[in-house]
Amino acid sequence: MQTDREELSPKAKARRAPHTPGVYLMKDAAGLVVYVGKAKDLKKRLASYFVPRQRMTPKVAAMMDTVADMEWHEVRSETEALLLEGKLIKRWRPRWNILFRDDKQFPQVRVDLADALPKFRIVRARTTDACRYFGPFPHQQAVRRTLNEMRKKFGILLADSTPTALPDGTWKLYDDARSEIQKHANVVTVEEYAARVTEACAFLEGKVESWGEQVEADMRKAAADRENPLPRRDEAGALTSLAAALGLERPPATAECFDISHISGTLAVASMVRFVDGQADKSGYRRFKIKSFEGNDDFRSMQEVVGRRYTRLHEEHRAFPDLVIIDGGLGQVGAALAAFKEHDLAPPPLIGLAKREETIVFPDGRELKLPRHDVGLALLMRIRDEAHRFANDFNAELRSRKLRESLLDEMPGLGPKRKEALLAHFGSIQKLRKATVEEIAEVAGLSDKLAGEVKAYLEARG
């Protein structure tokens, strides 16, 4: 991300852009995103907006009349730029991308989940609930290149492929696997192919989601940096301002912030970050897996992790922080307060920070909206965004681990007890992949023959 702290014009910022793939955001004088675009080369693409007016199309000329600021975000490839561009356009609906709002006019990726061997294909309209859709995306040729890369990366089928059923119940995916899917096995069972589809969908969904979240966090951080007139190393003023705004007896030298993260109600996790004198104390960060229930309930999750954190501090005779911050509104704040009451603990000062207009919420229902230039609010936003990032990183780590470990679920002849024994012995799929057949055979309950089959199974899946 470009991080210029000086007040540069959009044209001056464009001159500083790198020769790398990425997405760029055009903003108006109020800071609203008015256009999102992608580029194979950010520097060249942005330079094209700052040419004599007679060389611009009418639409571009009209748009540039409204642009007061801009920023860009670098990615690793043109494929990633395409996916992130689509995600951000769907999220912010910039007015100069307005034609993009009609999903039927633009290409989408459809996965035919009802088929024995789901294919990934480009479509224009959503016609059935039996499929899964990703997009829309603005550039069909770029989507086509992305799918071709995914075919090689994950070993999946595209729309024009014609897999062949073999007598033993397996499937031959391509006639020439070397040119189509390269390192992946070309003869698979339905279950083995399903694991590939799961990973490919996770790439389209989870990867793009994490890019979008990171861009939003970057934008909030940049806004806080611009609005905070003090150097970051001098947080005394921010803490004093915050204490005055919240009615605290003294500036909060220690603060802890909680955030809940989940994907469609699964893999619910929570994070807690700790700040001391306005600076991140990463040795005090904590992560929590939700243990008391399964499902999508932010309030119960918040009550559980807050209760676990402060019950432990109480039992260990350790001091509570000067301020507890909850990422959320009155419901989440009420759940946190209920945790203290449930365990008969006296709560420290407790507030929520709702993303809606960055409103501070008190347990009694009062709300406080500080000016956006307030240094105390900037500090609260920085703490909240750090908790959000920490929770999302943990969620992504668990999701990736679950996808990798699900490979063993699909292996014929390997029951749940042997799978658990393997993972307990080696600790992870990565370490199991590196083990020799002899080392795998050392696990209780595995014969030499089965150890060899496990090794061959994992090698066939890259």
Protein backbone atom coordinates (compact mmCIF):
# COMPACT_ATOMS: atom_id res chain seq x y z
CA MET A 1 0.00 0.00 0.00
CA GLN A 2 1.19 3.54 -0.72
CA THR A 3 1.70 5.34 2.59
CA ASP A 4 2.61 8.93 1.79
CA ARG A 5 2.03 11.08 4.85
CA GLU A 6 2.56 14.36 2.91
CA GLU A 7 -0.38 16.13 1.32
CA LEU A 8 0.41 15.17 -2.27
CA SER A 9 -1.83 15.74 -5.26
CA PRO A 10 -3.20 12.64 -7.04
CA LYS A 11 -0.83 13.34 -9.94
CA ALA A 12 2.17 13.53 -7.60
CA LYS A 13 1.12 10.29 -5.93
CA ALA A 14 0.77 8.60 -9.33
CA ARG A 15 4.41 9.42 -10.06
CA ARG A 16 5.40 7.43 -6.96
CA ALA A 17 3.49 4.31 -7.96
CA PRO A 18 5.57 1.13 -8.47
CA HIS A 19 5.84 -0.96 -11.64
CA THR A 20 3.88 -3.83 -10.02
CA PRO A 21 0.38 -5.35 -10.30
CA GLY A 22 -2.26 -3.93 -8.00
CA VAL A 23 -5.57 -2.16 -7.53
CA TYR A 24 -6.10 1.58 -7.22
CA LEU A 25 -8.85 3.63 -5.60
CA MET A 26 -9.93 7.11 -6.70
CA LYS A 27 -11.55 9.27 -3.99
CA ASP A 28 -13.51 12.51 -3.97
CA ALA A 29 -12.97 15.49 -1.67
CA ALA A 30 -15.01 13.81 1.08
CA GLY A 31 -12.78 10.73 1.02
CA LEU A 32 -15.41 8.49 -0.62
CA VAL A 33 -14.20 5.86 -3.07
CA VAL A 34 -15.59 6.83 -6.49
CA TYR A 35 -13.71 4.35 -8.67
CA VAL A 36 -11.80 1.07 -8.26
CA GLY A 37 -9.54 -0.26 -10.99
CA LYS A 38 -6.85 -2.88 -11.50
CA ALA A 39 -3.50 -2.71 -13.25
CA LYS A 40 -0.79 -5.06 -14.43
CA ASP A 41 1.60 -2.10 -13.98
CA LEU A 42 0.33 0.48 -11.48
CA LYS A 43 2.72 3.22 -12.54
CA LYS A 44 1.80 3.02 -16.22
CA ARG A 45 -1.93 2.69 -15.54
CA LEU A 46 -2.12 5.64 -13.15
CA ALA A 47 -0.05 7.82 -15.46
CA SER A 48 -2.74 7.36 -18.13
CA TYR A 49 -5.18 9.39 -16.01
CA PHE A 50 -2.96 12.46 -15.99
CA VAL A 51 -2.72 13.34 -19.67
CA PRO A 52 -4.06 16.34 -21.56
CA ARG A 53 -7.85 16.46 -21.34
CA GLN A 54 -8.36 16.14 -25.08
CA ARG A 55 -6.75 12.69 -24.93
CA MET A 56 -9.26 11.43 -22.32
CA THR A 57 -12.58 9.79 -23.05
CA PRO A 58 -15.58 11.87 -21.87
CA LYS A 59 -16.25 9.44 -19.05
CA VAL A 60 -12.67 9.54 -17.74
CA ALA A 61 -12.53 13.32 -18.02
CA ALA A 62 -15.76 13.66 -16.04
CA MET A 63 -14.52 11.24 -13.39
CA MET A 64 -11.18 12.99 -12.98
CA ASP A 65 -13.04 16.25 -12.31
CA THR A 66 -14.28 14.65 -9.08
CA VAL A 67 -11.03 12.98 -7.98
CA ALA A 68 -9.26 14.67 -5.06
CA ASP A 69 -7.16 11.78 -3.76
CA MET A 70 -6.03 8.30 -4.66
CA GLU A 71 -4.25 5.26 -3.24
CA TRP A 72 -3.08 1.88 -4.47
CA HIS A 73 -2.52 -1.60 -3.07
CA GLU A 74 0.14 -3.89 -4.51
CA VAL A 75 -0.52 -7.61 -5.07
CA ARG A 76 1.63 -10.43 -6.38
CA SER A 77 0.04 -11.00 -9.79
CA GLU A 78 -2.50 -9.77 -12.31
CA THR A 79 -4.77 -12.61 -11.18
CA GLU A 80 -4.80 -11.34 -7.61
CA ALA A 81 -5.44 -7.80 -8.88
CA LEU A 82 -8.51 -9.01 -10.80
CA LEU A 83 -9.98 -10.82 -7.80
CA LEU A 84 -9.34 -7.95 -5.40
CA GLU A 85 -10.78 -5.40 -7.83
CA GLY A 86 -14.03 -7.36 -8.05
CA LYS A 87 -14.23 -7.71 -4.28
CA LEU A 88 -13.76 -3.99 -3.64
CA ILE A 89 -16.23 -2.92 -6.32
CA LYS A 90 -18.86 -5.23 -4.83
CA ARG A 91 -18.14 -3.89 -1.34
CA TRP A 92 -18.02 -0.14 -1.96
CA ARG A 93 -20.17 0.27 -5.09
CA PRO A 94 -18.22 3.29 -6.41
CA ARG A 95 -20.39 5.54 -8.53
CA TRP A 96 -18.01 5.46 -11.51
CA ASN A 97 -18.20 1.65 -11.50
CA ILE A 98 -22.00 1.93 -11.48
CA LEU A 99 -22.60 -0.28 -14.54
CA PHE A 100 -20.89 -3.04 -12.62
CA ARG A 101 -23.86 -3.23 -10.23
CA ASP A 102 -25.87 -5.32 -12.69
CA ASP A 103 -24.41 -8.79 -12.05
CA LYS A 104 -25.97 -10.15 -15.25
CA GLN A 105 -23.83 -7.93 -17.48
CA PHE A 106 -20.49 -9.16 -16.23
CA PRO A 107 -18.74 -12.54 -16.08
CA GLN A 108 -18.91 -14.70 -12.98
CA VAL A 109 -17.33 -18.01 -12.07
CA ARG A 110 -19.84 -20.84 -11.54
CA VAL A 111 -19.03 -24.15 -9.86
CA ASP A 112 -21.50 -26.96 -10.64
CA LEU A 113 -21.54 -28.55 -7.18
CA ALA A 114 -24.40 -30.93 -8.03
CA ASP A 115 -22.25 -32.76 -10.60
CA ALA A 116 -20.08 -35.72 -9.69
CA LEU A 117 -17.04 -33.80 -10.97
CA PRO A 118 -17.85 -30.09 -10.60
CA LYS A 119 -16.45 -27.84 -13.33
CA PHE A 120 -15.46 -24.19 -13.06
CA ARG A 121 -16.99 -22.13 -15.87
CA ILE A 122 -17.61 -18.50 -16.86
CA VAL A 123 -21.28 -17.42 -16.99
CA ARG A 124 -23.19 -14.14 -17.26
CA ALA A 125 -26.26 -14.87 -15.14
CA ARG A 126 -27.11 -16.81 -12.01
CA THR A 127 -29.61 -19.45 -13.03
CA THR A 128 -29.66 -22.11 -10.31
CA ASP A 129 -29.22 -22.47 -6.57
CA ALA A 130 -27.47 -25.82 -7.05
CA CYS A 131 -24.27 -24.03 -8.05
CA ARG A 132 -21.84 -21.75 -6.33
CA TYR A 133 -20.95 -18.37 -7.83
CA PHE A 134 -17.95 -16.04 -7.46
CA GLY A 135 -17.85 -12.51 -8.81
CA PRO A 136 -18.96 -10.68 -10.90
CA PHE A 137 -15.69 -9.53 -12.49
CA PRO A 138 -15.28 -6.72 -15.04
CA HIS A 139 -12.83 -8.37 -17.45
CA GLN A 140 -13.71 -11.69 -19.08
CA GLN A 141 -10.26 -12.35 -20.56
CA ALA A 142 -8.64 -11.81 -17.16
CA VAL A 143 -11.14 -14.22 -15.57
CA ARG A 144 -10.30 -16.79 -18.23
CA ARG A 145 -6.58 -16.46 -17.48
CA THR A 146 -7.32 -16.79 -13.77
CA LEU A 147 -9.23 -20.06 -14.29
CA ASN A 148 -6.41 -21.45 -16.42
CA GLU A 149 -3.96 -20.70 -13.61
CA MET A 150 -6.31 -22.32 -11.07
CA ARG A 151 -6.59 -25.44 -13.23
CA LYS A 152 -2.84 -25.93 -12.97
CA LYS A 153 -2.63 -24.87 -9.32
CA PHE A 154 -5.47 -27.07 -8.01
CA GLY A 155 -5.97 -29.74 -10.72
CA ILE A 156 -9.60 -28.80 -11.44
CA LEU A 157 -11.84 -29.16 -14.50
CA LEU A 158 -12.91 -26.24 -16.67
CA ALA A 159 -16.02 -25.98 -18.83
CA ASP A 160 -14.47 -27.40 -22.00
CA SER A 161 -12.97 -30.49 -20.35
CA THR A 162 -14.37 -34.01 -20.98
CA PRO A 163 -13.34 -36.41 -18.19
CA THR A 164 -13.51 -40.14 -18.89
CA ALA A 165 -15.06 -42.71 -16.52
CA LEU A 166 -12.81 -45.72 -16.00
CA PRO A 167 -13.99 -49.30 -15.26
CA ASP A 168 -12.81 -49.25 -11.64
CA GLY A 169 -15.00 -46.22 -10.78
CA THR A 170 -12.23 -43.63 -11.01
CA TRP A 171 -12.07 -40.77 -13.51
CA LYS A 172 -9.42 -39.68 -16.00
CA LEU A 173 -9.62 -35.89 -16.02
CA TYR A 174 -7.59 -34.90 -19.09
CA ASP A 175 -6.07 -36.67 -22.09
CA ASP A 176 -2.82 -34.73 -21.62
CA ALA A 177 -2.37 -34.04 -17.93
CA ARG A 178 1.12 -32.62 -18.40
CA SER A 179 -0.17 -29.62 -20.32
CA GLU A 180 -3.40 -29.21 -18.36
CA ILE A 181 -2.82 -29.90 -14.64
CA GLN A 182 0.91 -30.63 -14.55
CA LYS A 183 1.90 -32.00 -11.12
CA HIS A 184 -1.53 -33.30 -10.06
CA ALA A 185 -2.72 -36.88 -10.41
CA ASN A 186 -4.85 -37.26 -13.54
CA VAL A 187 -6.80 -40.34 -12.40
CA VAL A 188 -8.91 -39.64 -9.30
CA THR A 189 -11.91 -40.77 -7.34
CA VAL A 190 -14.92 -38.50 -6.92
CA GLU A 191 -13.89 -37.90 -3.31
CA GLU A 192 -10.32 -36.98 -4.24
CA TYR A 193 -11.54 -34.49 -6.82
CA ALA A 194 -13.99 -33.00 -4.31
CA ALA A 195 -11.04 -32.09 -2.08
CA ARG A 196 -9.52 -30.15 -4.99
CA VAL A 197 -12.78 -28.28 -5.55
CA THR A 198 -12.92 -27.36 -1.87
CA GLU A 199 -9.42 -25.90 -1.99
CA ALA A 200 -10.10 -23.99 -5.21
CA CYS A 201 -13.30 -22.49 -3.80
CA ALA A 202 -11.47 -21.54 -0.63
CA PHE A 203 -8.92 -19.74 -2.78
CA LEU A 204 -11.62 -17.73 -4.55
CA GLU A 205 -13.55 -17.00 -1.34
CA GLY A 206 -11.09 -16.83 1.52
CA LYS A 207 -8.16 -15.29 -0.32
CA VAL A 208 -10.23 -12.49 -1.80
CA GLU A 209 -11.93 -11.88 1.55
CA SER A 210 -8.61 -11.53 3.32
CA TRP A 211 -7.40 -9.06 0.66
CA GLY A 212 -10.54 -6.98 1.09
CA GLU A 213 -10.26 -6.95 4.88
CA GLN A 214 -6.61 -5.93 4.67
CA VAL A 215 -7.38 -3.07 2.29
CA GLU A 216 -10.12 -1.78 4.61
CA ALA A 217 -7.76 -1.97 7.59
CA ASP A 218 -5.06 -0.17 5.60
CA MET A 219 -7.50 2.59 4.69
CA ARG A 220 -8.64 3.06 8.29
CA LYS A 221 -5.02 3.11 9.47
CA ALA A 222 -4.05 5.67 6.83
CA ALA A 223 -7.03 7.83 7.79
CA ALA A 224 -6.07 7.66 11.47
CA ASP A 225 -2.48 8.57 10.62
CA ARG A 226 -3.60 11.60 8.62
CA GLU A 227 -6.01 12.76 11.32
CA ASN A 228 -3.60 12.31 14.24
CA PRO A 229 -1.34 15.39 14.45
CA LEU A 230 0.97 13.75 16.98
CA PRO A 231 3.86 11.43 16.15
CA ARG A 232 2.92 7.82 16.96
CA ARG A 233 5.70 7.59 19.53
CA ASP A 234 4.04 10.36 21.57
CA GLU A 235 0.69 8.92 22.64
CA ALA A 236 0.36 10.87 25.89
CA GLY A 237 -1.97 13.43 24.32
CA ALA A 238 -4.14 10.74 22.76
CA LEU A 239 -4.48 8.90 26.07
CA THR A 240 -5.29 12.12 27.94
CA SER A 241 -7.88 13.07 25.30
CA LEU A 242 -9.43 9.61 25.49
CA ALA A 243 -9.66 9.71 29.28
CA ALA A 244 -11.41 13.07 29.15
CA ALA A 245 -13.88 11.90 26.49
CA LEU A 246 -14.74 8.70 28.36
CA GLY A 247 -14.86 10.28 31.82
CA LEU A 248 -12.01 8.16 33.20
CA GLU A 249 -10.17 9.16 36.34
CA ARG A 250 -6.79 8.84 34.61
CA PRO A 251 -5.44 8.05 31.13
CA PRO A 252 -5.77 4.32 30.35
CA ALA A 253 -2.16 3.12 30.50
CA THR A 254 -3.28 -0.43 29.69
CA ALA A 255 -6.07 -1.38 27.29
CA GLU A 256 -7.27 -4.73 25.95
CA CYS A 257 -9.49 -5.12 22.90
CA PHE A 258 -11.55 -8.16 21.79
CA ASP A 259 -12.76 -9.14 18.32
CA ILE A 260 -14.70 -12.17 17.04
CA SER A 261 -14.00 -13.65 13.60
CA HIS A 262 -15.85 -16.42 11.78
CA ILE A 263 -16.59 -17.66 8.27
CA SER A 264 -20.26 -18.53 7.72
CA GLY A 265 -20.62 -19.56 11.34
CA THR A 266 -17.72 -22.01 11.29
CA LEU A 267 -14.22 -21.81 12.74
CA ALA A 268 -15.31 -19.11 15.19
CA VAL A 269 -12.30 -17.61 16.92
CA ALA A 270 -11.54 -14.53 18.97
CA SER A 271 -8.55 -12.30 19.44
CA MET A 272 -7.42 -10.03 22.25
CA VAL A 273 -4.73 -7.42 21.76
CA ARG A 274 -3.07 -5.48 24.55
CA PHE A 275 -1.75 -1.91 24.35
CA VAL A 276 0.49 -0.31 26.98
CA ASP A 277 0.94 3.49 26.95
CA GLY A 278 -0.66 3.58 23.52
CA GLN A 279 1.70 1.05 21.96
CA ALA A 280 1.04 -2.58 20.99
CA ASP A 281 2.33 -5.07 23.57
CA LYS A 282 2.45 -8.17 21.37
CA SER A 283 3.65 -10.38 24.20
CA GLY A 284 0.23 -9.81 25.75
CA TYR A 285 -1.79 -10.80 22.67
CA ARG A 286 -4.09 -13.82 23.08
CA ARG A 287 -6.09 -16.05 20.74
CA PHE A 288 -9.18 -18.07 21.66
CA LYS A 289 -11.05 -20.93 20.00
CA ILE A 290 -14.75 -20.88 20.86
CA LYS A 291 -15.38 -23.94 23.03
CA SER A 292 -18.85 -23.66 24.58
CA PHE A 293 -20.93 -24.07 21.39
CA GLU A 294 -20.80 -24.40 17.59
CA GLY A 295 -22.41 -21.92 15.26
CA ASN A 296 -22.72 -18.24 14.47
CA ASP A 297 -23.38 -16.21 17.63
CA ASP A 298 -21.10 -13.23 18.22
CA PHE A 299 -22.71 -12.42 21.57
CA ARG A 300 -22.17 -15.86 23.09
CA SER A 301 -18.65 -15.93 21.67
CA MET A 302 -17.84 -12.56 23.22
CA GLN A 303 -19.26 -13.56 26.60
CA GLU A 304 -17.23 -16.77 26.59
CA VAL A 305 -13.83 -15.26 25.76
CA VAL A 306 -14.19 -12.22 28.02
CA GLY A 307 -15.17 -14.54 30.86
CA ARG A 308 -12.22 -16.84 30.22
CA ARG A 309 -9.75 -13.96 30.06
CA TYR A 310 -10.70 -12.17 33.25
CA THR A 311 -11.53 -15.24 35.30
CA ARG A 312 -7.95 -16.34 34.66
CA LEU A 313 -6.50 -12.95 35.58
CA HIS A 314 -8.57 -12.97 38.78
CA GLU A 315 -7.44 -16.48 39.72
CA GLU A 316 -3.81 -15.54 39.07
CA HIS A 317 -4.16 -12.30 41.12
CA ARG A 318 -3.18 -10.18 38.13
CA ALA A 319 -4.47 -6.65 37.53
CA PHE A 320 -7.27 -5.94 35.08
CA PRO A 321 -6.55 -3.39 32.31
CA ASP A 322 -7.52 0.26 32.70
CA LEU A 323 -9.88 -0.03 29.71
CA VAL A 324 -11.60 -2.91 27.88
CA ILE A 325 -12.59 -2.23 24.27
CA ILE A 326 -15.07 -4.39 22.36
CA ASP A 327 -15.21 -4.44 18.58
CA GLY A 328 -18.96 -4.01 18.15
CA GLY A 329 -22.06 -2.26 19.36
CA LEU A 330 -24.38 -2.48 22.34
CA GLY A 331 -25.08 -6.20 21.91
CA GLN A 332 -21.41 -7.16 22.06
CA VAL A 333 -20.77 -4.75 24.94
CA GLY A 334 -23.72 -6.25 26.84
CA ALA A 335 -22.34 -9.75 26.28
CA ALA A 336 -18.94 -8.68 27.65
CA LEU A 337 -20.56 -7.11 30.70
CA ALA A 338 -22.61 -10.28 31.26
CA ALA A 339 -19.34 -12.25 31.43
CA PHE A 340 -18.15 -10.16 34.40
CA LYS A 341 -21.52 -10.56 36.14
CA GLU A 342 -21.58 -14.32 35.46
CA HIS A 343 -18.24 -14.76 37.24
CA ASP A 344 -18.98 -12.18 39.97
CA LEU A 345 -16.16 -9.90 38.86
CA ALA A 346 -16.09 -6.11 39.04
CA PRO A 347 -15.58 -4.86 35.46
CA PRO A 348 -13.04 -2.17 34.59
CA PRO A 349 -14.19 0.69 32.33
CA LEU A 350 -15.77 -0.98 29.29
CA ILE A 351 -16.74 0.44 25.90
CA GLY A 352 -17.57 -0.73 22.39
CA LEU A 353 -16.44 0.82 19.11
CA ALA A 354 -19.06 0.30 16.42
CA LYS A 355 -17.87 0.52 12.81
CA ARG A 356 -21.03 2.45 12.00
CA GLU A 357 -19.66 6.00 12.04
CA GLU A 358 -17.00 4.87 14.57
CA THR A 359 -19.44 5.34 17.45
CA ILE A 360 -18.31 4.71 21.04
CA VAL A 361 -20.93 2.68 22.93
CA PHE A 362 -21.23 2.51 26.73
CA PRO A 363 -22.79 -0.41 28.67
CA ASP A 364 -25.75 1.77 29.72
CA GLY A 365 -26.65 2.43 26.08
CA ARG A 366 -25.14 5.91 25.77
CA GLU A 367 -23.33 6.69 22.52
CA LEU A 368 -20.51 9.12 21.86
CA LYS A 369 -19.34 10.35 18.45
CA LEU A 370 -15.98 12.06 18.63
CA PRO A 371 -14.76 14.30 15.79
CA ARG A 372 -12.90 12.30 13.17
CA HIS A 373 -9.76 14.38 13.84
CA ASP A 374 -9.82 13.52 17.56
CA VAL A 375 -6.53 11.88 18.55
CA GLY A 376 -8.26 9.71 21.17
CA LEU A 377 -10.62 8.26 18.55
CA ALA A 378 -7.66 7.64 16.21
CA LEU A 379 -5.99 5.59 18.94
CA LEU A 380 -9.17 3.58 19.60
CA MET A 381 -9.49 2.82 15.89
CA ARG A 382 -5.87 1.68 15.70
CA ILE A 383 -6.36 -0.68 18.65
CA ARG A 384 -9.64 -2.04 17.20
CA ASP A 385 -8.11 -2.58 13.75
CA GLU A 386 -5.18 -4.45 15.28
CA ALA A 387 -7.58 -6.79 17.12
CA HIS A 388 -9.49 -7.32 13.87
CA ARG A 389 -6.32 -8.14 11.94
CA PHE A 390 -5.12 -10.53 14.65
CA ALA A 391 -8.45 -12.41 14.73
CA ASN A 392 -8.63 -12.70 10.94
CA ASP A 393 -5.06 -14.00 10.73
CA PHE A 394 -5.89 -16.70 13.28
CA ASN A 395 -9.08 -17.62 11.41
CA ALA A 396 -7.21 -17.88 8.10
CA GLU A 397 -4.55 -20.05 9.72
CA LEU A 398 -7.15 -22.44 11.14
CA ARG A 399 -9.12 -22.54 7.88
CA SER A 400 -5.98 -23.37 5.92
CA ARG A 401 -5.01 -26.05 8.43
CA LYS A 402 -8.47 -27.60 8.28
CA LEU A 403 -8.38 -27.71 4.47
CA ARG A 404 -4.99 -29.42 4.50
CA GLU A 405 -5.92 -31.93 7.18
CA SER A 406 -9.18 -32.80 5.39
CA LEU A 407 -7.04 -34.52 2.76
CA LEU A 408 -6.71 -37.51 5.09
CA ASP A 409 -10.50 -37.70 5.45
CA GLU A 410 -10.74 -38.73 1.80
CA MET A 411 -8.13 -41.49 1.90
CA PRO A 412 -9.65 -44.97 1.49
CA GLY A 413 -8.77 -47.41 4.27
CA LEU A 414 -7.70 -44.73 6.76
CA GLY A 415 -10.22 -44.48 9.58
CA PRO A 416 -10.63 -41.57 12.02
CA LYS A 417 -8.54 -43.21 14.77
CA ARG A 418 -5.55 -43.75 12.49
CA LYS A 419 -5.90 -40.23 11.09
CA GLU A 420 -5.87 -38.79 14.62
CA ALA A 421 -2.89 -40.97 15.49
CA LEU A 422 -0.96 -39.69 12.47
CA LEU A 423 -1.71 -36.03 13.19
CA ALA A 424 -0.93 -36.47 16.89
CA HIS A 425 2.38 -38.13 16.08
CA PHE A 426 3.59 -35.67 13.43
CA GLY A 427 1.74 -32.54 14.50
CA SER A 428 0.72 -31.38 11.02
CA ILE A 429 0.15 -32.47 7.44
CA GLN A 430 3.34 -30.65 6.39
CA LYS A 431 5.49 -32.74 8.73
CA LEU A 432 3.68 -35.92 7.72
CA ARG A 433 4.42 -35.17 4.05
CA LYS A 434 8.15 -34.97 4.83
CA ALA A 435 8.22 -38.28 6.75
CA THR A 436 9.58 -41.46 5.20
CA VAL A 437 7.53 -44.64 4.91
CA GLU A 438 9.55 -46.12 7.77
CA GLU A 439 8.78 -43.12 10.01
CA ILE A 440 5.07 -43.31 9.18
CA ALA A 441 5.06 -47.03 10.01
CA GLU A 442 6.25 -46.20 13.53
CA VAL A 443 2.79 -44.80 14.34
CA ALA A 444 0.78 -47.28 16.39
CA GLY A 445 -1.83 -49.15 14.33
CA LEU A 446 -0.22 -48.59 10.93
CA SER A 447 1.23 -51.48 8.96
CA ASP A 448 4.15 -51.08 6.56
CA LYS A 449 1.69 -51.49 3.69
CA LEU A 450 -0.67 -48.77 4.95
CA ALA A 451 2.27 -46.47 5.69
CA GLY A 452 3.35 -46.83 2.06
CA GLU A 453 -0.18 -46.08 0.88
CA VAL A 454 -0.33 -42.94 3.04
CA LYS A 455 2.97 -41.73 1.61
CA ALA A 456 1.86 -42.39 -1.98
CA TYR A 457 -1.52 -40.74 -1.34
CA LEU A 458 0.05 -37.50 -0.06
CA GLU A 459 2.69 -37.39 -2.79
CA ALA A 460 -0.03 -37.65 -5.44
CA ARG A 461 -1.62 -34.50 -3.99
CA GLY A 462 1.45 -32.32 -4.19
